[in-house]
């Protein structure tokens, strides 16, 4: 889903999803973080993620719900150490 805003809770770090639904936060510190997802016309959603090591990239894909519930659904998340 294109244009979803993702904000690390308690910070001003916000990124928007690209045309494929991908959101990238760089230099995320190790530990548990909460990300708030928002999109105009949809209810905000919050998800928790555990980041095991510093300076890694966390990739989250956002896809629109298929059953017309008018909510964004997080389908998967993955992590990579590539730079």
C-alpha atoms as a PDB file:
ATOM      1  CA  UNK A   1       0.000   0.000   0.000  1.00  0.00           C
ATOM      2  CA  UNK A   2       1.611   3.236  -1.156  1.00  0.00           C
ATOM      3  CA  UNK A   3       1.793   6.297   1.101  1.00  0.00           C
ATOM      4  CA  UNK A   4       1.360   4.676   4.516  1.00  0.00           C
ATOM      5  CA  UNK A   5       3.186   6.706   7.168  1.00  0.00           C
ATOM      6  CA  UNK A   6       5.207   4.756   9.732  1.00  0.00           C
ATOM      7  CA  UNK A   7       6.456   6.468  12.888  1.00  0.00           C
ATOM      8  CA  UNK A   8       8.714   5.001  15.562  1.00  0.00           C
ATOM      9  CA  UNK A   9       6.650   5.620  18.718  1.00  0.00           C
ATOM     10  CA  UNK A  10       8.081   8.294  20.993  1.00  0.00           C
ATOM     11  CA  UNK A  11      10.214   9.831  18.234  1.00  0.00           C
ATOM     12  CA  UNK A  12       9.838  12.079  15.220  1.00  0.00           C
ATOM     13  CA  UNK A  13      11.266   9.389  12.899  1.00  0.00           C
ATOM     14  CA  UNK A  14       8.648   8.933  10.197  1.00  0.00           C
ATOM     15  CA  UNK A  15       8.875   7.370   6.734  1.00  0.00           C
ATOM     16  CA  UNK A  16       6.270   6.689   4.059  1.00  0.00           C
ATOM     17  CA  UNK A  17       5.836   3.413   2.199  1.00  0.00           C
ATOM     18  CA  UNK A  18       6.928   3.349  -1.427  1.00  0.00           C
ATOM     19  CA  UNK A  19       4.878   2.171  -4.402  1.00  0.00           C
ATOM     20  CA  UNK A  20       5.486  -1.480  -3.431  1.00  0.00           C
ATOM     21  CA  UNK A  21       4.448  -0.955   0.205  1.00  0.00           C
ATOM     22  CA  UNK A  22       8.018  -1.101   1.506  1.00  0.00           C
ATOM     23  CA  UNK A  23       9.048   0.955   4.540  1.00  0.00           C
ATOM     24  CA  UNK A  24      12.708   1.305   5.509  1.00  0.00           C
ATOM     25  CA  UNK A  25      14.072   2.675   8.771  1.00  0.00           C
ATOM     26  CA  UNK A  26      17.854   2.949   8.832  1.00  0.00           C
ATOM     27  CA  UNK A  27      20.080   2.779  11.917  1.00  0.00           C
ATOM     28  CA  UNK A  28      17.410   1.384  14.209  1.00  0.00           C
ATOM     29  CA  UNK A  29      18.836   0.780  17.697  1.00  0.00           C
ATOM     30  CA  UNK A  30      18.735  -2.710  19.184  1.00  0.00           C
ATOM     31  CA  UNK A  31      15.773  -3.493  21.416  1.00  0.00           C
ATOM     32  CA  UNK A  32      12.013  -3.459  21.157  1.00  0.00           C
ATOM     33  CA  UNK A  33      10.356  -0.643  19.243  1.00  0.00           C
ATOM     34  CA  UNK A  34       6.765   0.194  18.406  1.00  0.00           C
ATOM     35  CA  UNK A  35       5.831   1.527  15.002  1.00  0.00           C
ATOM     36  CA  UNK A  36       2.595   3.410  14.423  1.00  0.00           C
ATOM     37  CA  UNK A  37       1.164   3.007  10.918  1.00  0.00           C
ATOM     38  CA  UNK A  38      -1.245   5.649   9.627  1.00  0.00           C
ATOM     39  CA  UNK A  39      -3.038   6.356   6.375  1.00  0.00           C
ATOM     40  CA  UNK A  40      -5.733   8.910   5.586  1.00  0.00           C
ATOM     41  CA  UNK A  41      -9.180   7.359   6.062  1.00  0.00           C
ATOM     42  CA  UNK A  42      -7.874   4.347   8.022  1.00  0.00           C
ATOM     43  CA  UNK A  43      -7.492   3.694  11.745  1.00  0.00           C
ATOM     44  CA  UNK A  44      -3.923   3.876  13.027  1.00  0.00           C
ATOM     45  CA  UNK A  45      -2.277   0.525  13.749  1.00  0.00           C
ATOM     46  CA  UNK A  46       0.617  -0.089  16.150  1.00  0.00           C
ATOM     47  CA  UNK A  47       2.993  -3.045  15.921  1.00  0.00           C
ATOM     48  CA  UNK A  48       5.961  -4.068  18.096  1.00  0.00           C
ATOM     49  CA  UNK A  49       9.259  -5.293  16.660  1.00  0.00           C
ATOM     50  CA  UNK A  50      12.373  -6.689  18.339  1.00  0.00           C
ATOM     51  CA  UNK A  51      15.582  -5.459  16.726  1.00  0.00           C
ATOM     52  CA  UNK A  52      18.425  -7.830  17.701  1.00  0.00           C
ATOM     53  CA  UNK A  53      21.460  -5.793  16.646  1.00  0.00           C
ATOM     54  CA  UNK A  54      22.368  -2.227  15.853  1.00  0.00           C
ATOM     55  CA  UNK A  55      22.782  -0.703  12.420  1.00  0.00           C
ATOM     56  CA  UNK A  56      20.590  -3.253  10.705  1.00  0.00           C
ATOM     57  CA  UNK A  57      17.792  -2.548   8.274  1.00  0.00           C
ATOM     58  CA  UNK A  58      14.279  -3.714   9.047  1.00  0.00           C
ATOM     59  CA  UNK A  59      11.966  -4.087   6.060  1.00  0.00           C
ATOM     60  CA  UNK A  60       8.191  -4.077   6.542  1.00  0.00           C
ATOM     61  CA  UNK A  61       5.729  -4.617   3.705  1.00  0.00           C
ATOM     62  CA  UNK A  62       2.234  -3.124   3.976  1.00  0.00           C
ATOM     63  CA  UNK A  63      -0.633  -4.560   1.928  1.00  0.00           C
ATOM     64  CA  UNK A  64      -4.213  -3.389   1.783  1.00  0.00           C
ATOM     65  CA  UNK A  65      -6.776  -5.668   3.442  1.00  0.00           C
ATOM     66  CA  UNK A  66      -8.600  -7.742   0.840  1.00  0.00           C
ATOM     67  CA  UNK A  67     -11.981  -8.053   2.583  1.00  0.00           C
ATOM     68  CA  UNK A  68     -12.997  -4.359   2.490  1.00  0.00           C
ATOM     69  CA  UNK A  69     -12.536  -3.848   6.230  1.00  0.00           C
ATOM     70  CA  UNK A  70     -10.873  -0.509   5.445  1.00  0.00           C
ATOM     71  CA  UNK A  71      -7.808  -1.299   7.544  1.00  0.00           C
ATOM     72  CA  UNK A  72      -4.184  -1.763   6.591  1.00  0.00           C
ATOM     73  CA  UNK A  73      -2.777  -5.195   7.387  1.00  0.00           C
ATOM     74  CA  UNK A  74       0.879  -5.971   8.062  1.00  0.00           C
ATOM     75  CA  UNK A  75       1.566  -9.127   6.063  1.00  0.00           C
ATOM     76  CA  UNK A  76       5.210  -9.755   6.831  1.00  0.00           C
ATOM     77  CA  UNK A  77       8.415  -8.285   8.099  1.00  0.00           C
ATOM     78  CA  UNK A  78      11.971  -9.326   7.465  1.00  0.00           C
ATOM     79  CA  UNK A  79      15.418  -8.190   8.379  1.00  0.00           C
ATOM     80  CA  UNK A  80      18.632  -7.925   6.434  1.00  0.00           C
ATOM     81  CA  UNK A  81      22.144  -6.764   7.201  1.00  0.00           C
ATOM     82  CA  UNK A  82      22.978  -5.707   3.648  1.00  0.00           C
ATOM     83  CA  UNK A  83      24.107  -2.148   3.063  1.00  0.00           C
END
